[in-house]
Protein backbone atom coordinates (compact mmCIF):
# COMPACT_ATOMS: atom_id res chain seq x y z
CA MET A 1 -4.83 -41.55 30.90
CA ASN A 2 -1.84 -41.91 33.21
CA ASN A 3 -0.96 -39.88 36.29
CA LYS A 4 1.02 -37.38 34.22
CA ASP A 5 -2.18 -36.53 32.35
CA GLU A 6 -4.28 -35.95 35.48
CA PHE A 7 -6.39 -32.81 35.63
CA LYS A 8 -4.30 -29.73 36.37
CA ILE A 9 -5.41 -26.32 37.62
CA ASN A 10 -5.23 -23.63 34.89
CA ASN A 11 -5.51 -26.18 32.07
CA ARG A 12 -8.12 -25.40 29.43
CA VAL A 13 -11.34 -27.28 28.78
CA GLU A 14 -14.01 -26.79 26.13
CA ILE A 15 -17.65 -27.76 26.55
CA GLU A 16 -19.45 -28.97 23.42
CA TRP A 17 -22.97 -27.52 23.36
CA GLU A 18 -25.86 -27.14 20.92
CA ASP A 19 -24.56 -23.90 19.40
CA GLY A 20 -20.80 -24.46 19.56
CA TYR A 21 -17.84 -24.86 21.90
CA TYR A 22 -17.55 -22.94 25.18
CA LYS A 23 -14.10 -22.36 26.69
CA SER A 24 -13.23 -22.54 30.36
CA ILE A 25 -10.31 -23.03 32.76
CA ILE A 26 -9.90 -25.60 35.53
CA GLN A 27 -9.88 -23.65 38.81
CA ASP A 28 -9.82 -26.47 41.36
CA VAL A 29 -9.64 -30.27 41.54
CA ASN A 30 -10.45 -32.79 44.26
CA GLU A 31 -10.85 -36.55 44.42
CA ASP A 32 -14.30 -36.57 42.82
CA SER A 33 -14.72 -33.31 40.93
CA ILE A 34 -13.23 -30.79 38.53
CA TYR A 35 -14.20 -27.16 39.13
CA ILE A 36 -14.31 -24.77 36.18
CA ASN A 37 -15.33 -21.15 35.75
CA ILE A 38 -18.49 -20.48 33.71
CA PRO A 39 -17.73 -21.48 30.09
CA ALA A 40 -17.94 -18.72 27.48
CA ASN A 41 -18.02 -18.38 23.71
CA LYS A 42 -17.49 -14.94 22.14
CA GLY A 43 -18.92 -13.15 25.17
CA LYS A 44 -21.84 -15.55 25.60
CA TYR A 45 -21.91 -17.56 28.84
CA LEU A 46 -23.12 -21.14 29.32
CA PRO A 47 -24.93 -21.40 32.71
CA LEU A 48 -24.73 -25.16 33.20
CA ASN A 49 -27.27 -26.66 35.59
CA TYR A 50 -27.20 -29.58 38.02
CA ASN A 51 -27.32 -32.96 36.24
CA ASP A 52 -26.64 -31.49 32.79
CA LYS A 53 -24.81 -34.03 30.65
CA VAL A 54 -21.86 -32.56 28.79
CA THR A 55 -19.10 -33.54 26.38
CA VAL A 56 -15.77 -32.08 27.48
CA PHE A 57 -12.47 -31.61 25.68
CA TYR A 58 -9.51 -31.39 28.06
CA PHE A 59 -6.25 -29.78 26.89
CA HIS A 60 -3.07 -30.99 28.59
CA GLY A 61 0.14 -29.81 26.97
CA GLU A 62 0.12 -31.11 23.40
CA LYS A 63 -2.56 -33.68 24.22
CA ILE A 64 -6.34 -33.42 23.92
CA PHE A 65 -8.73 -35.76 25.71
CA LYS A 66 -12.48 -36.15 25.24
CA PHE A 67 -14.96 -37.43 27.82
CA ARG A 68 -18.63 -37.39 28.83
CA THR A 69 -19.67 -36.33 32.33
CA ILE A 70 -22.38 -34.54 34.33
CA VAL A 71 -22.64 -31.31 36.30
CA THR A 72 -22.70 -32.19 40.00
CA GLY A 73 -23.09 -28.74 41.53
CA ARG A 74 -21.66 -25.28 42.04
CA LYS A 75 -19.57 -23.43 44.59
CA ILE A 76 -18.31 -19.92 45.13
CA ASP A 77 -14.58 -19.39 45.63
CA LYS A 78 -14.25 -15.66 44.90
CA ILE A 79 -15.97 -16.50 41.60
CA LEU A 80 -18.77 -18.93 40.73
CA LEU A 81 -17.42 -22.38 39.86
CA ILE A 82 -19.18 -25.30 38.20
CA ALA A 83 -18.43 -28.83 39.43
CA LEU A 84 -18.00 -31.62 36.88
CA LYS A 85 -17.80 -35.24 37.93
CA LYS A 86 -14.39 -36.76 37.23
CA PRO A 87 -14.70 -39.29 34.39
CA GLN A 88 -13.64 -42.89 34.84
CA LYS A 89 -12.08 -42.88 31.39
CA MET A 90 -11.12 -40.41 28.68
CA ASN A 91 -10.30 -40.87 25.02
CA ARG A 92 -7.27 -39.15 23.57
CA ILE A 93 -7.93 -37.50 20.22
CA GLN A 94 -5.56 -36.28 17.54
CA ARG A 95 -4.93 -32.54 17.81
CA ARG A 96 -4.96 -32.28 14.01
CA ASN A 97 -8.53 -33.59 13.96
CA PHE A 98 -9.60 -30.95 16.48
CA VAL A 99 -8.25 -27.93 14.56
CA ARG A 100 -11.14 -26.02 13.02
CA ILE A 101 -11.46 -22.87 10.98
CA SER A 102 -14.25 -20.34 10.46
CA LEU A 103 -14.98 -19.56 6.82
CA ILE A 104 -17.81 -19.26 4.30
CA LEU A 105 -18.16 -21.96 1.64
CA ASN A 106 -21.25 -21.97 -0.59
CA THR A 107 -22.42 -25.53 -1.03
CA TYR A 108 -25.41 -27.86 -1.12
CA ALA A 109 -26.64 -30.77 0.99
CA ALA A 110 -29.47 -33.31 1.15
CA LEU A 111 -31.30 -35.43 3.70
CA ILE A 112 -30.61 -39.14 3.27
CA ASP A 113 -31.95 -42.45 4.50
CA THR A 114 -29.78 -43.60 7.41
CA LYS A 115 -29.66 -47.09 5.90
CA ARG A 116 -28.18 -45.89 2.62
CA ASP A 117 -24.46 -46.21 2.11
CA LEU A 118 -22.58 -43.16 0.81
CA LYS A 119 -21.41 -45.15 -2.24
CA GLU A 120 -25.07 -45.66 -3.21
CA ILE A 121 -25.69 -41.92 -3.06
CA CYS A 122 -22.56 -40.47 -4.62
CA TYR A 123 -19.96 -42.07 -6.87
CA ALA A 124 -16.82 -40.32 -8.18
CA ASN A 125 -18.16 -37.22 -6.38
CA LYS A 126 -21.29 -37.16 -8.55
CA CYS A 127 -24.47 -37.46 -6.50
CA ASN A 128 -27.71 -39.25 -7.32
CA THR A 129 -30.30 -36.76 -8.57
CA GLU A 130 -33.13 -38.57 -6.74
CA PHE A 131 -32.22 -36.61 -3.61
CA ASP A 132 -33.63 -33.16 -2.86
CA PHE A 133 -30.53 -31.00 -2.52
CA PHE A 134 -30.79 -27.61 -0.80
CA ASP A 135 -28.47 -24.59 -0.68
CA ALA A 136 -26.28 -24.13 2.39
CA ASP A 137 -23.10 -22.49 3.64
CA ILE A 138 -20.30 -24.21 5.51
CA VAL A 139 -19.29 -21.68 8.19
CA ASP A 140 -16.90 -23.82 10.26
CA ILE A 141 -15.04 -27.06 9.55
CA SER A 142 -12.69 -29.49 11.31
CA GLY A 143 -11.44 -33.01 10.73
CA GLY A 144 -14.41 -34.35 12.67
CA GLY A 145 -17.32 -32.26 11.44
CA LEU A 146 -18.62 -28.92 10.28
CA LYS A 147 -21.12 -26.18 11.00
CA LEU A 148 -23.80 -25.66 8.35
CA SER A 149 -26.01 -22.60 7.80
CA THR A 150 -29.22 -23.03 5.77
CA LYS A 151 -32.91 -22.13 5.60
CA LYS A 152 -33.77 -25.83 5.56
CA ASP A 153 -35.42 -27.12 8.77
CA ILE A 154 -33.78 -30.45 9.71
CA ASP A 155 -34.52 -32.56 12.76
CA PHE A 156 -31.88 -33.39 15.36
CA GLY A 157 -30.31 -36.78 14.63
CA GLU A 158 -31.06 -36.75 10.90
CA GLU A 159 -28.33 -37.84 8.51
CA ILE A 160 -27.33 -35.71 5.54
CA ILE A 161 -24.85 -35.64 2.71
CA VAL A 162 -22.81 -32.44 2.31
CA ASN A 163 -20.73 -31.35 -0.64
CA ILE A 164 -17.37 -29.91 0.44
CA PRO A 165 -15.97 -27.68 -2.33
CA PHE A 166 -12.21 -28.07 -2.19
CA GLU A 167 -10.06 -25.89 -4.43
CA LYS A 168 -9.54 -28.58 -7.08
CA GLU A 169 -12.40 -31.01 -6.44
CA ASN A 170 -15.73 -31.52 -4.72
CA MET A 171 -16.16 -34.20 -2.08
CA ALA A 172 -19.39 -35.68 -0.73
CA ILE A 173 -19.36 -36.37 3.01
CA LYS A 174 -21.97 -38.16 5.09
CA GLY A 175 -22.85 -36.57 8.42
CA LYS A 176 -25.30 -36.51 11.32
CA ILE A 177 -27.03 -33.48 12.86
CA ILE A 178 -25.82 -33.26 16.47
CA ARG A 179 -26.64 -29.60 17.20
CA LYS A 180 -29.36 -27.23 16.01
CA GLN A 181 -29.74 -23.50 16.55
CA ASN A 182 -32.38 -21.15 15.13
CA GLU A 183 -30.75 -17.88 14.08
CA LYS A 184 -33.04 -15.25 12.47
CA GLU A 185 -34.14 -16.64 9.08
CA LYS A 186 -31.66 -19.53 9.07
CA TYR A 187 -30.71 -22.59 11.06
CA ILE A 188 -27.18 -23.36 12.21
CA TYR A 189 -26.40 -27.08 12.44
CA GLY A 190 -23.51 -28.93 13.99
CA VAL A 191 -22.72 -31.88 11.72
CA LYS A 192 -20.59 -34.83 12.80
CA PHE A 193 -18.89 -36.74 9.99
CA LEU A 194 -19.90 -40.39 9.59
CA ASP A 195 -18.07 -43.29 7.94
CA ILE A 196 -15.14 -41.07 7.00
CA ASP A 197 -11.93 -42.81 5.98
CA VAL A 198 -8.40 -41.70 6.87
CA LEU A 199 -7.61 -40.38 3.38
CA THR A 200 -10.72 -38.20 3.27
CA ARG A 201 -10.07 -36.83 6.76
CA GLU A 202 -6.49 -35.98 5.79
CA LYS A 203 -7.73 -34.10 2.72
CA ILE A 204 -10.02 -32.04 4.93
CA ILE A 205 -7.25 -31.30 7.44
CA LYS A 206 -4.84 -30.26 4.66
CA PHE A 207 -7.56 -28.03 3.25
CA ILE A 208 -8.01 -26.41 6.68
CA PHE A 209 -4.30 -25.73 7.14
CA SER A 210 -4.08 -24.32 3.60
CA LYS A 211 -6.93 -21.90 4.38
CA MET A 212 -5.32 -20.94 7.70
CA ARG A 213 -2.01 -20.11 5.98
CA LYS A 214 -3.81 -17.90 3.47
CA GLN A 215 -5.65 -16.09 6.27
CA VAL A 216 -2.35 -15.41 8.06
CA HIS A 217 -0.78 -14.02 4.87
CA ARG A 218 -3.67 -11.57 4.49
CA LEU A 219 -2.99 -10.03 7.93
């Protein structure tokens, strides 16, 4: 990141948490810290505590940066602000990969051995029947991962294979459970894609933009 991309007041950040992404705005900046207002997601607030480790997405113009940091404290300046330690480095990510859409896609998934390669599990989008597939719904998807709703109890860090039902084909994707939330009779999982090639990611992104266009036309 060069000087032009330094943290700016009023720029947006998003905090990645167990149950989703929480939006906030940079309110103040000094040599060591970034101060943000309490992050929120659909009216729900995220009260970050001292020493919490967080993944942050920083939006600067048309650019998006991702970094890991910790909460270093709080202060009150008319409103309560949360202090994040300035990172030593940030990774720029493609905006296209960050675009995500909420939807409902009925699908199925299965737990897999982390040592197994995707090609051993599914070939030509037909999956090995030795695996115990369970019903699930994709409720959110981006070029980097998806959100899965199911009655199946899965441990954090487990790897799974998920079928993504495109309009003209099905595609098996390998992923890792990075978030888990218990919601009534179901679990909501954040799944990060693993070993995904450029062509597959582009198919997912095109699928997302196609769905977004259809949603706009319905308005």
